[in-house]
Amino acid sequence: MKIPITDQFLLDIIYPLLDATDNVVDFLLSNKYQQINILFGNNNPVIRKYKKDRKIRDFNQLIYHLKKSNYIKVKNLQNKKAIMLTKRGFDKVLKVSFKIQEKKRRKDGKWIMIAFDLPQKHQKARDLLRSILQNLGYKLFQQSVWVTPYDVSDKTEKLLQTYSLENYVKIFLIEEL
């Protein structure tokens, strides 16, 4: 699957930080990501590769677009430029990694069902929850009820905790629809 250059750049920045056993989603949802204040300078191999493979002007446009879209911040640290992933950049990397990650069906044949009750006044949280569920492979079953045959219950729980949505959501394991 071909993904946009901006998404690929953000993913390429994250991949070198992963342990051999980690995947992007698990890493981004772990404490490791929170502890490593992800900063990158010109000596970063990913940035050097992108500069080498593209014209300087194209690379600068890429960085400009990422800054303008609020995916990264460029800061001066110790007289060197550094690129830092923002919260929105974090969300974008998470979304892209879900799209490219292979989804596996549950071995027991059961489905995961999620029912949520978020007050209408929390519209942004409702939209965020719907986006998370879609990215994980859930399909709308009824209003505020989503189902998936994929084995994503751990990721679902981690994301709900990350975004403080667990109090509004009930998760069920069902035999059939």
N, C-alpha and C. Protein backbone atom coordinates (compact mmCIF):
# COMPACT_ATOMS: atom_id res chain seq x y z
N MET A 1 0.84 -1.18 0.00
CA MET A 1 0.00 0.00 0.00
C MET A 1 0.89 1.24 0.00
N LYS A 2 0.62 2.16 -0.90
CA LYS A 2 1.38 3.40 -1.02
C LYS A 2 0.81 4.42 -0.05
N ILE A 3 1.68 4.98 0.77
CA ILE A 3 1.22 6.00 1.71
C ILE A 3 1.88 7.33 1.37
N PRO A 4 1.26 8.45 1.70
CA PRO A 4 1.82 9.76 1.39
C PRO A 4 3.20 9.96 2.03
N ILE A 5 4.01 10.79 1.38
CA ILE A 5 5.38 11.04 1.83
C ILE A 5 5.41 11.61 3.25
N THR A 6 4.44 12.44 3.59
CA THR A 6 4.43 13.01 4.94
C THR A 6 4.23 11.91 5.98
N ASP A 7 3.31 10.99 5.69
CA ASP A 7 3.06 9.88 6.61
C ASP A 7 4.28 8.97 6.71
N GLN A 8 4.91 8.71 5.55
CA GLN A 8 6.09 7.84 5.53
C GLN A 8 7.23 8.45 6.34
N PHE A 9 7.42 9.76 6.22
CA PHE A 9 8.47 10.45 6.96
C PHE A 9 8.24 10.30 8.47
N LEU A 10 7.01 10.53 8.91
CA LEU A 10 6.70 10.41 10.33
C LEU A 10 6.93 8.99 10.83
N LEU A 11 6.54 8.00 10.03
CA LEU A 11 6.78 6.60 10.42
C LEU A 11 8.27 6.30 10.47
N ASP A 12 9.01 6.79 9.47
CA ASP A 12 10.45 6.52 9.41
C ASP A 12 11.18 7.12 10.61
N ILE A 13 10.67 8.20 11.14
CA ILE A 13 11.29 8.80 12.32
C ILE A 13 11.09 7.90 13.54
N ILE A 14 9.93 7.28 13.65
CA ILE A 14 9.61 6.44 14.81
C ILE A 14 10.31 5.09 14.76
N TYR A 15 10.38 4.45 13.58
CA TYR A 15 10.89 3.08 13.49
C TYR A 15 12.27 2.85 14.11
N PRO A 16 13.25 3.73 13.94
CA PRO A 16 14.56 3.47 14.56
C PRO A 16 14.53 3.40 16.08
N LEU A 17 13.51 3.95 16.70
CA LEU A 17 13.42 3.96 18.16
C LEU A 17 12.84 2.67 18.73
N LEU A 18 12.29 1.84 17.86
CA LEU A 18 11.63 0.62 18.33
C LEU A 18 12.63 -0.45 18.68
N ASP A 19 12.31 -1.22 19.70
CA ASP A 19 13.08 -2.43 19.99
C ASP A 19 12.71 -3.45 18.92
N ALA A 20 13.49 -4.50 18.82
CA ALA A 20 13.22 -5.53 17.81
C ALA A 20 11.84 -6.17 18.01
N THR A 21 11.36 -6.21 19.22
CA THR A 21 10.08 -6.89 19.49
C THR A 21 8.88 -5.96 19.43
N ASP A 22 9.11 -4.67 19.42
CA ASP A 22 8.00 -3.71 19.45
C ASP A 22 7.43 -3.49 18.05
N ASN A 23 6.17 -3.11 18.01
CA ASN A 23 5.63 -2.57 16.78
C ASN A 23 5.27 -1.12 17.07
N VAL A 24 4.95 -0.36 16.03
CA VAL A 24 4.72 1.07 16.19
C VAL A 24 3.61 1.36 17.19
N VAL A 25 2.50 0.66 17.06
CA VAL A 25 1.35 0.93 17.93
C VAL A 25 1.71 0.69 19.39
N ASP A 26 2.30 -0.47 19.68
CA ASP A 26 2.67 -0.78 21.06
C ASP A 26 3.67 0.24 21.60
N PHE A 27 4.63 0.65 20.77
CA PHE A 27 5.63 1.62 21.20
C PHE A 27 4.98 2.97 21.52
N LEU A 28 4.12 3.45 20.61
CA LEU A 28 3.50 4.75 20.82
C LEU A 28 2.59 4.78 22.03
N LEU A 29 2.01 3.63 22.37
CA LEU A 29 1.11 3.58 23.52
C LEU A 29 1.83 3.24 24.81
N SER A 30 3.12 2.95 24.72
CA SER A 30 3.87 2.55 25.91
C SER A 30 4.45 3.77 26.62
N ASN A 31 4.99 3.51 27.79
CA ASN A 31 5.67 4.56 28.54
C ASN A 31 7.00 4.92 27.91
N LYS A 32 7.58 4.00 27.12
CA LYS A 32 8.87 4.28 26.48
C LYS A 32 8.78 5.55 25.65
N TYR A 33 7.69 5.66 24.86
CA TYR A 33 7.53 6.83 24.01
C TYR A 33 7.42 8.09 24.86
N GLN A 34 6.68 8.01 25.95
CA GLN A 34 6.49 9.17 26.80
C GLN A 34 7.82 9.60 27.44
N GLN A 35 8.68 8.63 27.76
CA GLN A 35 9.94 8.94 28.42
C GLN A 35 10.99 9.50 27.46
N ILE A 36 10.97 9.02 26.22
CA ILE A 36 11.92 9.52 25.23
C ILE A 36 11.29 10.76 24.63
N ASN A 37 11.80 11.92 24.93
CA ASN A 37 11.26 13.12 24.32
C ASN A 37 11.84 13.17 22.91
N ILE A 38 11.07 12.71 21.95
CA ILE A 38 11.60 12.42 20.62
C ILE A 38 12.09 13.70 19.94
N LEU A 39 13.39 13.80 19.83
CA LEU A 39 14.02 14.94 19.19
C LEU A 39 14.98 14.45 18.12
N PHE A 40 15.03 15.16 17.01
CA PHE A 40 15.88 14.75 15.91
C PHE A 40 16.60 15.96 15.34
N GLY A 41 17.85 15.79 15.02
CA GLY A 41 18.63 16.86 14.42
C GLY A 41 19.14 16.44 13.06
N ASN A 42 20.00 17.29 12.48
CA ASN A 42 20.55 17.01 11.16
C ASN A 42 21.42 15.76 11.14
N ASN A 43 21.94 15.35 12.28
CA ASN A 43 22.78 14.15 12.31
C ASN A 43 21.95 12.87 12.39
N ASN A 44 20.63 12.98 12.44
CA ASN A 44 19.76 11.81 12.45
C ASN A 44 19.82 11.14 11.08
N PRO A 45 20.04 9.81 11.03
CA PRO A 45 20.17 9.12 9.74
C PRO A 45 18.91 9.21 8.87
N VAL A 46 17.73 9.24 9.48
CA VAL A 46 16.49 9.34 8.70
C VAL A 46 16.43 10.69 7.99
N ILE A 47 16.74 11.74 8.72
CA ILE A 47 16.71 13.08 8.12
C ILE A 47 17.77 13.20 7.04
N ARG A 48 18.97 12.68 7.31
CA ARG A 48 20.03 12.71 6.28
C ARG A 48 19.58 11.98 5.03
N LYS A 49 18.94 10.82 5.19
CA LYS A 49 18.48 10.03 4.03
C LYS A 49 17.45 10.82 3.23
N TYR A 50 16.49 11.43 3.90
CA TYR A 50 15.47 12.20 3.19
C TYR A 50 16.09 13.39 2.47
N LYS A 51 17.06 14.04 3.10
CA LYS A 51 17.73 15.17 2.44
C LYS A 51 18.50 14.69 1.21
N LYS A 52 19.14 13.54 1.33
CA LYS A 52 19.95 13.00 0.23
C LYS A 52 19.07 12.55 -0.93
N ASP A 53 17.96 11.87 -0.62
CA ASP A 53 17.09 11.31 -1.66
C ASP A 53 16.25 12.37 -2.37
N ARG A 54 16.09 13.51 -1.79
CA ARG A 54 15.28 14.58 -2.37
C ARG A 54 16.11 15.84 -2.51
N LYS A 55 15.63 16.70 -3.36
CA LYS A 55 16.28 18.01 -3.48
C LYS A 55 16.06 18.75 -2.16
N ILE A 56 17.00 19.60 -1.82
CA ILE A 56 16.90 20.37 -0.57
C ILE A 56 15.57 21.12 -0.52
N ARG A 57 15.18 21.69 -1.65
CA ARG A 57 13.93 22.45 -1.69
C ARG A 57 12.73 21.55 -1.36
N ASP A 58 12.72 20.33 -1.92
CA ASP A 58 11.62 19.39 -1.65
C ASP A 58 11.61 18.98 -0.18
N PHE A 59 12.80 18.75 0.38
CA PHE A 59 12.87 18.38 1.79
C PHE A 59 12.37 19.52 2.66
N ASN A 60 12.79 20.74 2.35
CA ASN A 60 12.34 21.90 3.12
C ASN A 60 10.83 22.08 3.02
N GLN A 61 10.26 21.79 1.84
CA GLN A 61 8.81 21.87 1.68
C GLN A 61 8.11 20.81 2.53
N LEU A 62 8.70 19.63 2.59
CA LEU A 62 8.15 18.56 3.43
C LEU A 62 8.12 19.00 4.89
N ILE A 63 9.24 19.51 5.38
CA ILE A 63 9.32 19.97 6.77
C ILE A 63 8.34 21.12 7.00
N TYR A 64 8.27 22.04 6.04
CA TYR A 64 7.34 23.17 6.15
C TYR A 64 5.90 22.66 6.25
N HIS A 65 5.54 21.72 5.39
CA HIS A 65 4.18 21.16 5.41
C HIS A 65 3.89 20.47 6.75
N LEU A 66 4.84 19.70 7.26
CA LEU A 66 4.65 19.01 8.54
C LEU A 66 4.50 20.02 9.69
N LYS A 67 5.29 21.11 9.64
CA LYS A 67 5.16 22.16 10.67
C LYS A 67 3.81 22.86 10.56
N LYS A 68 3.44 23.22 9.33
CA LYS A 68 2.19 23.94 9.12
C LYS A 68 0.99 23.07 9.52
N SER A 69 1.09 21.78 9.32
CA SER A 69 0.02 20.85 9.71
C SER A 69 0.07 20.51 11.19
N ASN A 70 1.05 21.07 11.89
CA ASN A 70 1.23 20.86 13.33
C ASN A 70 1.54 19.40 13.69
N TYR A 71 2.28 18.70 12.80
CA TYR A 71 2.73 17.34 13.10
C TYR A 71 4.09 17.36 13.79
N ILE A 72 4.88 18.38 13.52
CA ILE A 72 6.20 18.50 14.14
C ILE A 72 6.43 19.94 14.58
N LYS A 73 7.40 20.11 15.47
CA LYS A 73 7.90 21.42 15.85
C LYS A 73 9.39 21.41 15.58
N VAL A 74 9.91 22.51 15.08
CA VAL A 74 11.35 22.63 14.89
C VAL A 74 11.86 23.58 15.96
N LYS A 75 12.82 23.11 16.74
CA LYS A 75 13.35 23.92 17.84
C LYS A 75 14.86 24.00 17.75
N ASN A 76 15.41 25.04 18.35
CA ASN A 76 16.86 25.16 18.48
C ASN A 76 17.25 24.67 19.86
N LEU A 77 18.04 23.61 19.90
CA LEU A 77 18.53 23.07 21.15
C LEU A 77 20.04 22.99 21.09
N GLN A 78 20.68 23.61 22.02
CA GLN A 78 22.14 23.62 22.08
C GLN A 78 22.73 24.04 20.74
N ASN A 79 22.17 25.11 20.17
CA ASN A 79 22.61 25.67 18.89
C ASN A 79 22.47 24.71 17.72
N LYS A 80 21.60 23.73 17.84
CA LYS A 80 21.33 22.80 16.74
C LYS A 80 19.83 22.72 16.54
N LYS A 81 19.42 22.55 15.29
CA LYS A 81 18.00 22.38 15.01
C LYS A 81 17.58 20.97 15.37
N ALA A 82 16.40 20.86 15.95
CA ALA A 82 15.85 19.56 16.32
C ALA A 82 14.38 19.53 15.90
N ILE A 83 13.93 18.35 15.50
CA ILE A 83 12.53 18.17 15.12
C ILE A 83 11.87 17.34 16.21
N MET A 84 10.73 17.84 16.68
CA MET A 84 10.00 17.15 17.75
C MET A 84 8.59 16.81 17.26
N LEU A 85 8.18 15.59 17.49
CA LEU A 85 6.84 15.15 17.13
C LEU A 85 5.83 15.77 18.10
N THR A 86 4.78 16.39 17.57
CA THR A 86 3.74 16.98 18.41
C THR A 86 2.67 15.94 18.73
N LYS A 87 1.70 16.33 19.56
CA LYS A 87 0.58 15.44 19.88
C LYS A 87 -0.17 15.07 18.61
N ARG A 88 -0.38 16.04 17.75
CA ARG A 88 -1.08 15.77 16.48
C ARG A 88 -0.24 14.85 15.60
N GLY A 89 1.08 15.02 15.61
CA GLY A 89 1.97 14.13 14.86
C GLY A 89 1.91 12.72 15.41
N PHE A 90 1.88 12.62 16.72
CA PHE A 90 1.74 11.32 17.39
C PHE A 90 0.46 10.64 16.92
N ASP A 91 -0.66 11.39 16.90
CA ASP A 91 -1.94 10.83 16.47
C ASP A 91 -1.88 10.39 15.01
N LYS A 92 -1.20 11.18 14.18
CA LYS A 92 -1.08 10.85 12.76
C LYS A 92 -0.27 9.57 12.56
N VAL A 93 0.85 9.44 13.27
CA VAL A 93 1.67 8.22 13.16
C VAL A 93 0.86 7.01 13.62
N LEU A 94 0.13 7.17 14.68
CA LEU A 94 -0.70 6.08 15.19
C LEU A 94 -1.73 5.65 14.14
N LYS A 95 -2.38 6.62 13.54
CA LYS A 95 -3.40 6.35 12.53
C LYS A 95 -2.80 5.63 11.32
N VAL A 96 -1.67 6.11 10.84
CA VAL A 96 -1.02 5.49 9.68
C VAL A 96 -0.56 4.08 10.02
N SER A 97 -0.01 3.90 11.21
CA SER A 97 0.48 2.57 11.58
C SER A 97 -0.66 1.56 11.67
N PHE A 98 -1.85 2.01 12.09
CA PHE A 98 -3.01 1.11 12.11
C PHE A 98 -3.39 0.71 10.68
N LYS A 99 -3.31 1.66 9.77
CA LYS A 99 -3.70 1.38 8.39
C LYS A 99 -2.78 0.35 7.74
N ILE A 100 -1.48 0.46 7.99
CA ILE A 100 -0.54 -0.44 7.31
C ILE A 100 -0.34 -1.75 8.04
N GLN A 101 -0.75 -1.81 9.29
CA GLN A 101 -0.57 -3.02 10.09
C GLN A 101 -1.58 -4.10 9.67
N GLU A 102 -1.10 -5.32 9.57
CA GLU A 102 -1.97 -6.43 9.20
C GLU A 102 -2.90 -6.76 10.36
N LYS A 103 -4.17 -6.88 10.04
CA LYS A 103 -5.15 -7.21 11.07
C LYS A 103 -5.42 -8.71 11.04
N LYS A 104 -5.38 -9.33 12.21
CA LYS A 104 -5.62 -10.78 12.30
C LYS A 104 -6.95 -11.02 12.99
N ARG A 105 -7.71 -11.94 12.42
CA ARG A 105 -8.99 -12.32 13.03
C ARG A 105 -8.72 -13.09 14.32
N ARG A 106 -9.66 -13.02 15.22
CA ARG A 106 -9.55 -13.77 16.47
C ARG A 106 -9.58 -15.26 16.17
N LYS A 107 -8.75 -16.02 16.85
CA LYS A 107 -8.67 -17.47 16.63
C LYS A 107 -9.91 -18.20 17.11
N ASP A 108 -10.56 -17.67 18.14
CA ASP A 108 -11.75 -18.34 18.68
C ASP A 108 -13.03 -18.02 17.90
N GLY A 109 -12.92 -17.16 16.88
CA GLY A 109 -14.08 -16.83 16.05
C GLY A 109 -15.04 -15.84 16.67
N LYS A 110 -14.74 -15.37 17.87
CA LYS A 110 -15.62 -14.42 18.55
C LYS A 110 -15.37 -13.01 18.01
N TRP A 111 -16.31 -12.15 18.27
CA TRP A 111 -16.23 -10.75 17.85
C TRP A 111 -16.11 -9.87 19.09
N ILE A 112 -15.50 -8.73 18.91
CA ILE A 112 -15.44 -7.72 19.98
C ILE A 112 -16.51 -6.69 19.67
N MET A 113 -17.31 -6.38 20.68
CA MET A 113 -18.34 -5.36 20.53
C MET A 113 -18.06 -4.24 21.52
N ILE A 114 -18.18 -3.02 21.04
CA ILE A 114 -17.99 -1.85 21.89
C ILE A 114 -19.27 -1.02 21.85
N ALA A 115 -19.75 -0.66 23.02
CA ALA A 115 -20.89 0.25 23.14
C ALA A 115 -20.41 1.44 23.96
N PHE A 116 -20.70 2.63 23.46
CA PHE A 116 -20.27 3.81 24.22
C PHE A 116 -21.42 4.78 24.42
N ASP A 117 -21.30 5.54 25.49
CA ASP A 117 -22.29 6.55 25.82
C ASP A 117 -21.54 7.80 26.26
N LEU A 118 -21.19 8.60 25.28
CA LEU A 118 -20.50 9.86 25.54
C LEU A 118 -21.51 10.98 25.38
N PRO A 119 -21.64 11.85 26.37
CA PRO A 119 -22.59 12.96 26.25
C PRO A 119 -22.32 13.80 25.00
N GLN A 120 -23.38 14.33 24.41
CA GLN A 120 -23.28 15.11 23.18
C GLN A 120 -22.39 16.34 23.36
N LYS A 121 -22.28 16.83 24.59
CA LYS A 121 -21.45 18.01 24.83
C LYS A 121 -19.96 17.70 24.66
N HIS A 122 -19.60 16.42 24.63
CA HIS A 122 -18.21 16.01 24.41
C HIS A 122 -18.02 15.56 22.95
N GLN A 123 -18.40 16.41 22.02
CA GLN A 123 -18.39 16.06 20.60
C GLN A 123 -16.99 15.68 20.11
N LYS A 124 -15.96 16.40 20.54
CA LYS A 124 -14.60 16.07 20.10
C LYS A 124 -14.18 14.68 20.57
N ALA A 125 -14.54 14.34 21.79
CA ALA A 125 -14.21 13.01 22.32
C ALA A 125 -14.97 11.93 21.55
N ARG A 126 -16.22 12.21 21.18
CA ARG A 126 -17.01 11.26 20.39
C ARG A 126 -16.36 11.03 19.03
N ASP A 127 -15.96 12.12 18.39
CA ASP A 127 -15.30 12.02 17.09
C ASP A 127 -13.98 11.26 17.20
N LEU A 128 -13.23 11.54 18.25
CA LEU A 128 -11.96 10.85 18.48
C LEU A 128 -12.20 9.35 18.66
N LEU A 129 -13.18 8.99 19.45
CA LEU A 129 -13.49 7.58 19.68
C LEU A 129 -13.89 6.89 18.38
N ARG A 130 -14.74 7.53 17.59
CA ARG A 130 -15.13 6.93 16.31
C ARG A 130 -13.93 6.73 15.41
N SER A 131 -13.05 7.70 15.38
CA SER A 131 -11.83 7.60 14.56
C SER A 131 -10.95 6.45 15.02
N ILE A 132 -10.77 6.31 16.32
CA ILE A 132 -9.97 5.22 16.88
C ILE A 132 -10.57 3.87 16.47
N LEU A 133 -11.88 3.75 16.63
CA LEU A 133 -12.54 2.48 16.31
C LEU A 133 -12.42 2.14 14.83
N GLN A 134 -12.59 3.12 13.96
CA GLN A 134 -12.44 2.88 12.53
C GLN A 134 -11.03 2.44 12.20
N ASN A 135 -10.04 3.10 12.78
CA ASN A 135 -8.65 2.77 12.50
C ASN A 135 -8.28 1.37 12.99
N LEU A 136 -8.94 0.90 14.02
CA LEU A 136 -8.67 -0.44 14.54
C LEU A 136 -9.42 -1.53 13.77
N GLY A 137 -10.29 -1.13 12.84
CA GLY A 137 -11.01 -2.12 12.04
C GLY A 137 -12.42 -2.40 12.51
N TYR A 138 -12.93 -1.61 13.43
CA TYR A 138 -14.31 -1.76 13.88
C TYR A 138 -15.26 -1.22 12.81
N LYS A 139 -16.45 -1.81 12.76
CA LYS A 139 -17.51 -1.35 11.86
C LYS A 139 -18.72 -0.97 12.70
N LEU A 140 -19.41 0.07 12.25
CA LEU A 140 -20.60 0.53 12.95
C LEU A 140 -21.70 -0.53 12.83
N PHE A 141 -22.23 -0.97 13.96
CA PHE A 141 -23.28 -1.99 13.99
C PHE A 141 -24.63 -1.31 14.20
N GLN A 142 -24.71 -0.45 15.19
CA GLN A 142 -25.86 0.40 15.45
C GLN A 142 -25.29 1.71 15.98
N GLN A 143 -26.14 2.66 16.20
CA GLN A 143 -25.66 3.93 16.72
C GLN A 143 -24.95 3.70 18.06
N SER A 144 -23.69 4.11 18.15
CA SER A 144 -22.85 3.98 19.34
C SER A 144 -22.47 2.53 19.67
N VAL A 145 -22.67 1.61 18.73
CA VAL A 145 -22.26 0.21 18.92
C VAL A 145 -21.40 -0.19 17.72
N TRP A 146 -20.19 -0.66 18.01
CA TRP A 146 -19.23 -1.03 16.97
C TRP A 146 -18.78 -2.46 17.20
N VAL A 147 -18.47 -3.18 16.10
CA VAL A 147 -18.01 -4.56 16.21
C VAL A 147 -16.81 -4.79 15.29
N THR A 148 -16.01 -5.79 15.66
CA THR A 148 -14.88 -6.20 14.81
C THR A 148 -14.58 -7.68 15.05
N PRO A 149 -14.17 -8.38 13.98
CA PRO A 149 -13.74 -9.76 14.15
C PRO A 149 -12.25 -9.86 14.46
N TYR A 150 -11.54 -8.73 14.44
CA TYR A 150 -10.09 -8.71 14.60
C TYR A 150 -9.67 -8.76 16.07
N ASP A 151 -8.49 -9.26 16.29
CA ASP A 151 -7.95 -9.39 17.65
C ASP A 151 -7.26 -8.08 18.05
N VAL A 152 -8.06 -7.09 18.40
CA VAL A 152 -7.53 -5.77 18.74
C VAL A 152 -7.97 -5.30 20.13
N SER A 153 -8.35 -6.23 20.98
CA SER A 153 -8.88 -5.83 22.29
C SER A 153 -7.82 -5.13 23.15
N ASP A 154 -6.57 -5.62 23.13
CA ASP A 154 -5.51 -4.98 23.92
C ASP A 154 -5.26 -3.56 23.45
N LYS A 155 -5.17 -3.38 22.13
CA LYS A 155 -4.93 -2.05 21.57
C LYS A 155 -6.10 -1.13 21.87
N THR A 156 -7.30 -1.68 21.79
CA THR A 156 -8.49 -0.88 22.09
C THR A 156 -8.43 -0.37 23.53
N GLU A 157 -8.14 -1.26 24.45
CA GLU A 157 -8.07 -0.87 25.86
C GLU A 157 -6.97 0.16 26.11
N LYS A 158 -5.80 -0.04 25.50
CA LYS A 158 -4.70 0.92 25.66
C LYS A 158 -5.09 2.29 25.14
N LEU A 159 -5.71 2.33 23.96
CA LEU A 159 -6.11 3.61 23.39
C LEU A 159 -7.19 4.30 24.22
N LEU A 160 -8.14 3.53 24.70
CA LEU A 160 -9.18 4.12 25.55
C LEU A 160 -8.57 4.73 26.80
N GLN A 161 -7.58 4.06 27.39
CA GLN A 161 -6.90 4.59 28.57
C GLN A 161 -6.05 5.80 28.21
N THR A 162 -5.35 5.74 27.08
CA THR A 162 -4.50 6.85 26.65
C THR A 162 -5.30 8.13 26.50
N TYR A 163 -6.50 8.01 25.94
CA TYR A 163 -7.33 9.19 25.71
C TYR A 163 -8.40 9.40 26.78
N SER A 164 -8.30 8.68 27.89
CA SER A 164 -9.22 8.80 29.03
C SER A 164 -10.68 8.63 28.63
N LEU A 165 -10.95 7.62 27.83
CA LEU A 165 -12.32 7.35 27.37
C LEU A 165 -12.91 6.08 27.98
N GLU A 166 -12.15 5.39 28.82
CA GLU A 166 -12.59 4.08 29.32
C GLU A 166 -13.86 4.14 30.16
N ASN A 167 -14.14 5.28 30.79
CA ASN A 167 -15.34 5.39 31.63
C ASN A 167 -16.63 5.46 30.82
N TYR A 168 -16.51 5.76 29.53
CA TYR A 168 -17.69 5.92 28.69
C TYR A 168 -17.96 4.70 27.81
N VAL A 169 -17.10 3.68 27.91
CA VAL A 169 -17.15 2.57 26.95
C VAL A 169 -17.29 1.23 27.67
N LYS A 170 -18.09 0.36 27.10
CA LYS A 170 -18.21 -1.03 27.56
C LYS A 170 -17.72 -1.93 26.43
N ILE A 171 -16.90 -2.92 26.77
CA ILE A 171 -16.36 -3.85 25.78
C ILE A 171 -16.92 -5.24 26.06
N PHE A 172 -17.44 -5.88 25.02
CA PHE A 172 -18.02 -7.21 25.14
C PHE A 172 -17.33 -8.16 24.16
N LEU A 173 -17.26 -9.41 24.53
CA LEU A 173 -16.80 -10.47 23.64
C LEU A 173 -18.03 -11.30 23.30
N ILE A 174 -18.38 -11.35 22.01
CA ILE A 174 -19.63 -12.01 21.63
C ILE A 174 -19.37 -13.20 20.70
N GLU A 175 -20.24 -14.19 20.79
CA GLU A 175 -20.11 -15.41 19.99
C GLU A 175 -20.43 -15.15 18.52
N GLU A 176 -21.53 -14.46 18.26
CA GLU A 176 -21.95 -14.20 16.88
C GLU A 176 -22.79 -12.94 16.84
N LEU A 177 -22.95 -12.42 15.63
CA LEU A 177 -23.76 -11.21 15.46
C LEU A 177 -25.21 -11.57 15.26
